Amino acid sequence: MSHYEERLEKDLTRVRENVSDMAEKVDSGVKNAMHALLTGDHELATEVILADQVINRAMRRIDKLCHSFIAQHLPSAGHLRLLSSVIRVNIELERIGDYAVTIAREAVQLSGPPSGTTARELERVGNETLVMLRQAVEAFSELNADQARATMVLEESMENDLDFIYADLMANTDQASVNNLVRAFAIFTQLKRVVDQAKNLCEETIFAVTGEMKAPKNYLILFVDEDNSSLSQMAVAIARKHYPGSGTYSSAGLRPAPQLNPAVVGFLERHSVTLEGAEPRGLEMTPLELAQQHLIVSLQGPVQGYFEQVPFHTTPLQWDVTPPPADPAAFDAWLEEAYRDLATRIRDLMELLRGEDAN
């Protein structure tokens, strides 16, 4: 190994050691914040808040080391990918430190530690969050792309789990505990953000090792209307035809009709859009299936008219599409109008979600 290569590796090792040291501080921050919360230890919570200054200085030091490394060594290929990932990981770790501070501040504001089911859920989710964070940090430290991919799987199950916790919190009608519930809600949200950043760490690991970029998000979109025989079926057919690579689309009706509207089927076939295999279906979905939907688009009335509770991470969207006319003679003209309206709305939505490359 040449003198230059030795110096490059020495400087790179220094960068990675600083990242590992910062990750340990962040891990301690989250762990101590949760312990302070669950035990009512305000002194420990205060220590977490003040220790954030140490994390901020560590972030600035790593940022300086990275820019110095780039200026001195002009890295390329693998080294450049790694430095690019380190810069982003540095920001992600600093954000996790901020989330720990928020949890600690909430702990200080509480008159006593959480109790009962809320305490048990906070402890469980907190422990699971720390496990994922530690696995993500380990994967990045060891540049282990396989471990990073395995760790990322945890994020989806934890997100679905948190949806149910949020629903339980919002269903609580005890006004005397509103303040504590609001704080518990905020703490769960901070833990969710830690999980999100841990997933980002995994993605940076994969990029640093393989050069593989994060895949564009595939959106799960549910279209709903009264009977699932016309509009919602048409919306799914249009979305599948024009944006098959951007989403997974389904439809349902509040009171499903016995069969699809034959006029709609024929109209779509003339536009080279098929409804083969489709049939009206109701809104019978498990809580998990519903929570997995990224968007619910109502074509007739508000989404809340179809579901008693919209999952926390599911976005409800109401499109006021002109309803079918009572006069059969005007039905064909309505079909053309509805088709153009839906096609335009779906195009705008998918380009908003995925950009101009939506496909």
Protein backbone atom coordinates (compact mmCIF):
# COMPACT_ATOMS: atom_id res chain seq x y z
CA MET A 1 0.00 0.00 0.00
CA SER A 2 1.39 3.40 -1.01
CA HIS A 3 1.87 6.28 1.41
CA TYR A 4 -1.09 8.08 -0.19
CA GLU A 5 -3.33 5.01 0.19
CA GLU A 6 -2.30 4.65 3.83
CA ARG A 7 -3.18 8.28 4.51
CA LEU A 8 -6.51 7.92 2.69
CA GLU A 9 -7.46 4.85 4.72
CA LYS A 10 -6.33 6.53 7.95
CA ASP A 11 -8.50 9.58 7.24
CA LEU A 12 -11.43 7.39 6.23
CA THR A 13 -11.11 5.35 9.41
CA ARG A 14 -11.13 8.58 11.41
CA VAL A 15 -14.39 9.62 9.76
CA ARG A 16 -16.02 6.26 10.44
CA GLU A 17 -14.84 6.23 14.06
CA ASN A 18 -16.39 9.64 14.60
CA VAL A 19 -19.67 8.41 13.12
CA SER A 20 -19.63 5.38 15.43
CA ASP A 21 -18.93 7.61 18.42
CA MET A 22 -21.81 9.92 17.50
CA ALA A 23 -24.12 6.94 16.99
CA GLU A 24 -23.31 5.73 20.51
CA LYS A 25 -24.18 9.15 21.93
CA VAL A 26 -27.46 9.19 20.02
CA ASP A 27 -28.30 5.66 21.18
CA SER A 28 -27.66 6.70 24.78
CA GLY A 29 -29.85 9.75 24.28
CA VAL A 30 -32.85 7.72 23.12
CA LYS A 31 -32.32 5.03 25.77
CA ASN A 32 -31.93 7.53 28.61
CA ALA A 33 -34.85 9.66 27.43
CA MET A 34 -37.16 6.64 27.47
CA HIS A 35 -35.84 5.52 30.87
CA ALA A 36 -36.38 9.02 32.26
CA LEU A 37 -39.91 9.05 30.86
CA LEU A 38 -40.91 5.64 32.22
CA THR A 39 -39.39 6.19 35.67
CA GLY A 40 -40.19 9.88 36.14
CA ASP A 41 -36.48 10.70 36.46
CA HIS A 42 -36.46 14.43 35.64
CA GLU A 43 -32.75 14.74 36.41
CA LEU A 44 -31.87 12.15 33.77
CA ALA A 45 -34.24 13.83 31.29
CA THR A 46 -32.42 17.12 31.84
CA GLU A 47 -29.09 15.40 31.21
CA VAL A 48 -30.42 14.17 27.86
CA ILE A 49 -31.51 17.67 26.91
CA LEU A 50 -28.15 19.21 27.76
CA ALA A 51 -26.16 16.38 26.14
CA ASP A 52 -27.70 17.31 22.79
CA GLN A 53 -25.04 20.03 22.55
CA VAL A 54 -22.39 17.31 22.50
CA ILE A 55 -24.20 15.57 19.65
CA ASN A 56 -24.46 18.83 17.72
CA ARG A 57 -20.71 19.41 18.07
CA ALA A 58 -20.05 15.85 16.93
CA MET A 59 -22.20 16.46 13.85
CA ARG A 60 -20.25 19.60 12.96
CA ARG A 61 -16.96 17.79 13.47
CA ILE A 62 -17.98 14.94 11.14
CA ASP A 63 -19.21 17.43 8.55
CA LYS A 64 -15.84 19.18 8.67
CA LEU A 65 -13.94 15.88 8.39
CA CYS A 66 -16.00 14.81 5.37
CA HIS A 67 -15.48 18.05 3.47
CA SER A 68 -11.79 18.00 4.34
CA PHE A 69 -11.52 14.42 3.08
CA ILE A 70 -13.20 15.29 -0.20
CA ALA A 71 -10.97 18.34 -0.70
CA GLN A 72 -7.76 16.46 0.03
CA HIS A 73 -8.39 13.09 -1.61
CA LEU A 74 -10.87 13.87 -4.42
CA PRO A 75 -12.47 10.45 -3.88
CA SER A 76 -14.24 8.53 -6.61
CA ALA A 77 -16.42 5.43 -6.93
CA GLY A 78 -16.79 3.57 -3.64
CA HIS A 79 -15.07 6.14 -1.46
CA LEU A 80 -17.21 8.94 -2.85
CA ARG A 81 -20.40 6.94 -2.28
CA LEU A 82 -19.33 6.25 1.28
CA LEU A 83 -18.57 9.90 2.01
CA SER A 84 -21.87 10.94 0.45
CA SER A 85 -23.66 8.46 2.71
CA VAL A 86 -21.73 9.57 5.79
CA ILE A 87 -22.81 13.17 5.22
CA ARG A 88 -26.46 12.14 5.11
CA VAL A 89 -26.13 9.69 8.00
CA ASN A 90 -24.57 12.49 10.04
CA ILE A 91 -27.73 14.56 9.57
CA GLU A 92 -29.99 11.59 10.32
CA LEU A 93 -28.19 10.81 13.58
CA GLU A 94 -28.42 14.45 14.64
CA ARG A 95 -32.17 14.38 14.03
CA ILE A 96 -32.51 11.25 16.18
CA GLY A 97 -30.72 13.16 18.92
CA ASP A 98 -33.32 15.90 18.56
CA TYR A 99 -36.13 13.34 18.88
CA ALA A 100 -34.55 12.06 22.11
CA VAL A 101 -34.50 15.63 23.42
CA THR A 102 -38.22 16.04 22.63
CA ILE A 103 -39.02 12.83 24.52
CA ALA A 104 -36.94 14.08 27.46
CA ARG A 105 -38.73 17.45 27.45
CA GLU A 106 -42.09 15.65 27.48
CA ALA A 107 -40.84 13.58 30.43
CA VAL A 108 -39.98 16.74 32.35
CA GLN A 109 -43.46 18.19 31.73
CA LEU A 110 -45.25 15.12 33.10
CA SER A 111 -46.15 15.22 36.79
CA GLY A 112 -45.43 11.50 37.02
CA PRO A 113 -44.39 8.58 34.81
CA PRO A 114 -46.96 6.99 32.47
CA SER A 115 -48.90 4.07 33.87
CA GLY A 116 -51.01 1.16 32.76
CA THR A 117 -51.36 0.25 29.11
CA THR A 118 -49.75 3.48 27.92
CA ALA A 119 -46.60 2.77 29.94
CA ARG A 120 -46.39 -0.80 28.69
CA GLU A 121 -46.83 0.25 25.08
CA LEU A 122 -44.26 3.05 25.41
CA GLU A 123 -41.73 0.63 26.89
CA ARG A 124 -42.39 -1.99 24.21
CA VAL A 125 -42.23 0.41 21.28
CA GLY A 126 -39.20 2.14 22.79
CA ASN A 127 -37.34 -1.16 23.07
CA GLU A 128 -38.25 -2.16 19.51
CA THR A 129 -37.12 1.25 18.27
CA LEU A 130 -33.75 0.88 19.98
CA VAL A 131 -33.29 -2.60 18.49
CA MET A 132 -33.90 -1.29 14.99
CA LEU A 133 -31.66 1.74 15.53
CA ARG A 134 -28.81 -0.40 16.83
CA GLN A 135 -29.11 -2.88 13.97
CA ALA A 136 -29.12 -0.03 11.46
CA VAL A 137 -26.04 1.58 13.03
CA GLU A 138 -24.25 -1.76 13.12
CA ALA A 139 -25.06 -2.39 9.47
CA PHE A 140 -23.64 0.99 8.49
CA SER A 141 -20.55 0.63 10.67
CA GLU A 142 -19.79 -2.75 9.11
CA LEU A 143 -21.05 -1.75 5.64
CA ASN A 144 -23.29 -4.79 5.67
CA ALA A 145 -25.95 -4.32 2.99
CA ASP A 146 -27.67 -7.64 3.76
CA GLN A 147 -28.14 -6.69 7.41
CA ALA A 148 -29.43 -3.28 6.32
CA ARG A 149 -32.05 -4.87 4.07
CA ALA A 150 -33.16 -7.24 6.86
CA THR A 151 -33.43 -4.34 9.31
CA MET A 152 -35.55 -2.21 6.96
CA VAL A 153 -38.30 -4.84 7.09
CA LEU A 154 -38.92 -3.94 10.74
CA GLU A 155 -40.06 -0.42 9.82
CA GLU A 156 -43.27 -1.46 8.07
CA SER A 157 -44.50 -3.70 10.90
CA MET A 158 -43.72 -1.00 13.47
CA GLU A 159 -45.56 1.64 11.44
CA ASN A 160 -48.67 -0.54 11.25
CA ASP A 161 -48.39 -1.23 14.98
CA LEU A 162 -48.23 2.47 15.75
CA ASP A 163 -51.37 3.11 13.69
CA PHE A 164 -53.34 0.93 16.12
CA ILE A 165 -51.77 2.67 19.12
CA TYR A 166 -52.72 6.08 17.71
CA ALA A 167 -56.29 4.88 17.17
CA ASP A 168 -56.52 3.68 20.78
CA LEU A 169 -55.18 6.99 22.06
CA MET A 170 -57.68 8.99 20.02
CA ALA A 171 -60.55 6.78 21.20
CA ASN A 172 -59.89 7.69 24.84
CA THR A 173 -62.70 9.93 26.12
CA ASP A 174 -61.36 10.58 29.61
CA GLN A 175 -60.98 14.36 29.59
CA ALA A 176 -58.97 14.29 32.82
CA SER A 177 -56.17 12.44 31.04
CA VAL A 178 -56.17 14.50 27.83
CA ASN A 179 -52.90 16.25 28.68
CA ASN A 180 -51.09 12.97 29.31
CA LEU A 181 -52.59 11.42 26.19
CA VAL A 182 -51.38 14.31 24.06
CA ARG A 183 -47.88 13.90 25.47
CA ALA A 184 -47.98 10.13 24.92
CA PHE A 185 -49.07 10.75 21.34
CA ALA A 186 -46.11 13.10 20.84
CA ILE A 187 -43.68 10.57 22.31
CA PHE A 188 -44.91 7.73 20.09
CA THR A 189 -44.49 10.10 17.13
CA GLN A 190 -40.87 10.80 18.11
CA LEU A 191 -40.19 7.06 18.33
CA LYS A 192 -41.73 6.62 14.88
CA ARG A 193 -39.37 9.28 13.56
CA VAL A 194 -36.41 7.45 15.08
CA VAL A 195 -37.56 4.34 13.22
CA ASP A 196 -37.83 6.33 9.97
CA GLN A 197 -34.28 7.63 10.38
CA ALA A 198 -33.02 4.14 11.19
CA LYS A 199 -34.52 2.97 7.91
CA ASN A 200 -32.70 5.85 6.19
CA LEU A 201 -29.45 4.62 7.75
CA CYS A 202 -30.09 1.21 6.20
CA GLU A 203 -30.71 2.78 2.80
CA GLU A 204 -27.45 4.72 3.07
CA THR A 205 -25.62 1.50 3.94
CA ILE A 206 -26.96 -0.21 0.83
CA PHE A 207 -26.01 2.79 -1.31
CA ALA A 208 -22.50 2.99 0.15
CA VAL A 209 -21.86 -0.71 -0.44
CA THR A 210 -23.63 -1.33 -3.75
CA GLY A 211 -24.45 2.05 -5.28
CA GLU A 212 -28.11 0.99 -5.29
CA MET A 213 -30.43 3.98 -4.94
CA LYS A 214 -33.66 3.96 -2.95
CA ALA A 215 -36.44 2.58 -5.11
CA PRO A 216 -39.33 4.96 -5.87
CA LYS A 217 -42.27 4.42 -3.54
CA ASN A 218 -45.13 2.26 -4.73
CA TYR A 219 -48.37 3.78 -3.43
CA LEU A 220 -51.34 1.73 -2.29
CA ILE A 221 -54.46 3.66 -3.31
CA LEU A 222 -58.06 2.68 -2.58
CA PHE A 223 -60.89 4.29 -4.56
CA VAL A 224 -64.33 4.20 -2.92
CA ASP A 225 -67.87 5.16 -3.95
CA GLU A 226 -71.43 4.13 -3.23
CA ASP A 227 -71.78 0.83 -5.12
CA ASN A 228 -68.39 0.06 -6.75
CA SER A 229 -70.03 -0.59 -10.12
CA SER A 230 -68.93 2.48 -12.12
CA LEU A 231 -66.74 5.37 -10.96
CA SER A 232 -64.38 3.58 -8.58
CA GLN A 233 -63.91 0.72 -11.04
CA MET A 234 -63.18 3.23 -13.79
CA ALA A 235 -60.62 5.01 -11.59
CA VAL A 236 -58.74 1.79 -10.88
CA ALA A 237 -58.74 0.82 -14.56
CA ILE A 238 -57.36 4.23 -15.61
CA ALA A 239 -54.67 4.20 -12.91
CA ARG A 240 -53.56 0.67 -13.76
CA LYS A 241 -53.36 1.49 -17.46
CA HIS A 242 -51.36 4.71 -17.20
CA TYR A 243 -49.39 4.30 -13.95
CA PRO A 244 -48.81 0.57 -13.38
CA GLY A 245 -45.33 1.14 -11.96
CA SER A 246 -46.27 3.86 -9.50
CA GLY A 247 -48.99 2.26 -7.43
CA THR A 248 -51.19 -0.66 -6.50
CA TYR A 249 -54.84 0.26 -6.96
CA SER A 250 -58.08 -1.20 -5.61
CA SER A 251 -61.70 -0.15 -5.19
CA ALA A 252 -64.69 -0.81 -2.95
CA GLY A 253 -68.26 0.39 -2.41
CA LEU A 254 -70.37 1.22 0.62
CA ARG A 255 -73.25 -0.87 -0.72
CA PRO A 256 -71.79 -2.97 -3.56
CA ALA A 257 -74.00 -3.57 -6.59
CA PRO A 258 -74.72 -7.13 -7.77
CA GLN A 259 -72.60 -6.59 -10.90
CA LEU A 260 -70.60 -4.03 -12.84
CA ASN A 261 -72.50 -1.48 -14.89
CA PRO A 262 -72.50 -3.00 -18.43
CA ALA A 263 -72.44 0.45 -20.04
CA VAL A 264 -69.26 1.32 -18.12
CA VAL A 265 -67.63 -1.98 -19.11
CA GLY A 266 -68.41 -1.39 -22.79
CA PHE A 267 -67.27 2.24 -22.65
CA LEU A 268 -63.91 1.33 -21.11
CA GLU A 269 -63.37 -1.47 -23.64
CA ARG A 270 -63.80 1.07 -26.44
CA HIS A 271 -61.02 3.08 -24.76
CA SER A 272 -58.80 -0.02 -24.59
CA VAL A 273 -59.27 -0.26 -20.83
CA THR A 274 -60.33 -3.61 -19.47
CA LEU A 275 -62.21 -4.55 -16.32
CA GLU A 276 -61.62 -8.25 -16.83
CA GLY A 277 -62.07 -10.18 -13.58
CA ALA A 278 -63.38 -7.16 -11.67
CA GLU A 279 -66.56 -7.28 -9.65
CA PRO A 280 -68.16 -5.00 -7.06
CA ARG A 281 -66.96 -5.52 -3.51
CA GLY A 282 -67.70 -4.01 -0.14
CA LEU A 283 -65.57 -2.22 2.40
CA GLU A 284 -64.79 -5.32 4.44
CA MET A 285 -61.11 -4.84 5.25
CA THR A 286 -59.07 -5.82 8.27
CA PRO A 287 -57.60 -2.93 10.29
CA LEU A 288 -54.15 -3.92 8.99
CA GLU A 289 -55.29 -3.94 5.35
CA LEU A 290 -56.84 -0.51 5.80
CA ALA A 291 -53.78 0.88 7.58
CA GLN A 292 -51.56 -0.25 4.71
CA GLN A 293 -53.34 2.06 2.26
CA HIS A 294 -51.36 5.23 1.61
CA LEU A 295 -54.40 7.06 0.23
CA ILE A 296 -58.15 6.52 0.24
CA VAL A 297 -59.85 8.48 -2.54
CA SER A 298 -63.58 8.99 -2.26
CA LEU A 299 -65.43 9.71 -5.49
CA GLN A 300 -68.77 10.32 -3.76
CA GLY A 301 -68.75 12.21 -0.46
CA PRO A 302 -66.16 12.41 2.32
CA VAL A 303 -63.93 9.43 3.12
CA GLN A 304 -65.15 9.57 6.72
CA GLY A 305 -68.59 8.56 5.42
CA TYR A 306 -67.13 5.19 4.42
CA PHE A 307 -64.87 4.40 7.36
CA GLU A 308 -65.52 5.09 11.03
CA GLN A 309 -61.83 5.78 11.60
CA VAL A 310 -59.25 6.61 8.92
CA PRO A 311 -55.82 5.22 9.94
CA PHE A 312 -53.36 7.84 11.15
CA HIS A 313 -50.87 7.32 8.29
CA THR A 314 -53.52 7.00 5.57
CA THR A 315 -54.35 10.18 3.68
CA PRO A 316 -58.07 10.72 2.89
CA LEU A 317 -58.83 12.52 -0.37
CA GLN A 318 -62.25 13.59 -1.65
CA TRP A 319 -62.88 14.10 -5.36
CA ASP A 320 -66.24 15.63 -6.23
CA VAL A 321 -66.87 13.73 -9.44
CA THR A 322 -70.22 14.40 -11.13
CA PRO A 323 -72.59 11.53 -10.21
CA PRO A 324 -74.33 9.44 -12.90
CA PRO A 325 -77.40 11.16 -14.41
CA ALA A 326 -80.92 9.90 -13.86
CA ASP A 327 -81.69 10.29 -17.58
CA PRO A 328 -80.36 7.25 -19.53
CA ALA A 329 -80.03 9.39 -22.64
CA ALA A 330 -77.39 11.51 -20.92
CA PHE A 331 -75.38 8.54 -19.64
CA ASP A 332 -72.93 8.28 -22.54
CA ALA A 333 -72.05 11.95 -22.32
CA TRP A 334 -71.56 11.56 -18.56
CA LEU A 335 -69.22 8.62 -19.12
CA GLU A 336 -66.99 10.72 -21.38
CA GLU A 337 -66.94 13.57 -18.88
CA ALA A 338 -66.27 11.30 -15.92
CA TYR A 339 -63.48 9.49 -17.77
CA ARG A 340 -61.69 12.74 -18.68
CA ASP A 341 -62.17 14.10 -15.17
CA LEU A 342 -60.78 10.98 -13.51
CA ALA A 343 -57.89 10.67 -15.96
CA THR A 344 -56.86 14.27 -15.25
CA ARG A 345 -57.17 13.90 -11.48
CA ILE A 346 -55.23 10.63 -11.46
CA ARG A 347 -52.50 12.13 -13.63
CA ASP A 348 -52.17 15.12 -11.30
CA LEU A 349 -52.14 12.91 -8.22
CA MET A 350 -49.51 10.49 -9.49
CA GLU A 351 -47.26 13.28 -10.73
CA LEU A 352 -47.59 14.92 -7.32
CA LEU A 353 -46.65 11.67 -5.58
CA ARG A 354 -43.97 10.42 -7.96
CA GLY A 355 -43.02 13.46 -10.03
CA GLU A 356 -42.87 13.77 -13.79
CA ASP A 357 -41.36 10.26 -14.02
CA ALA A 358 -44.56 8.64 -12.72
CA ASN A 359 -45.27 5.58 -14.83
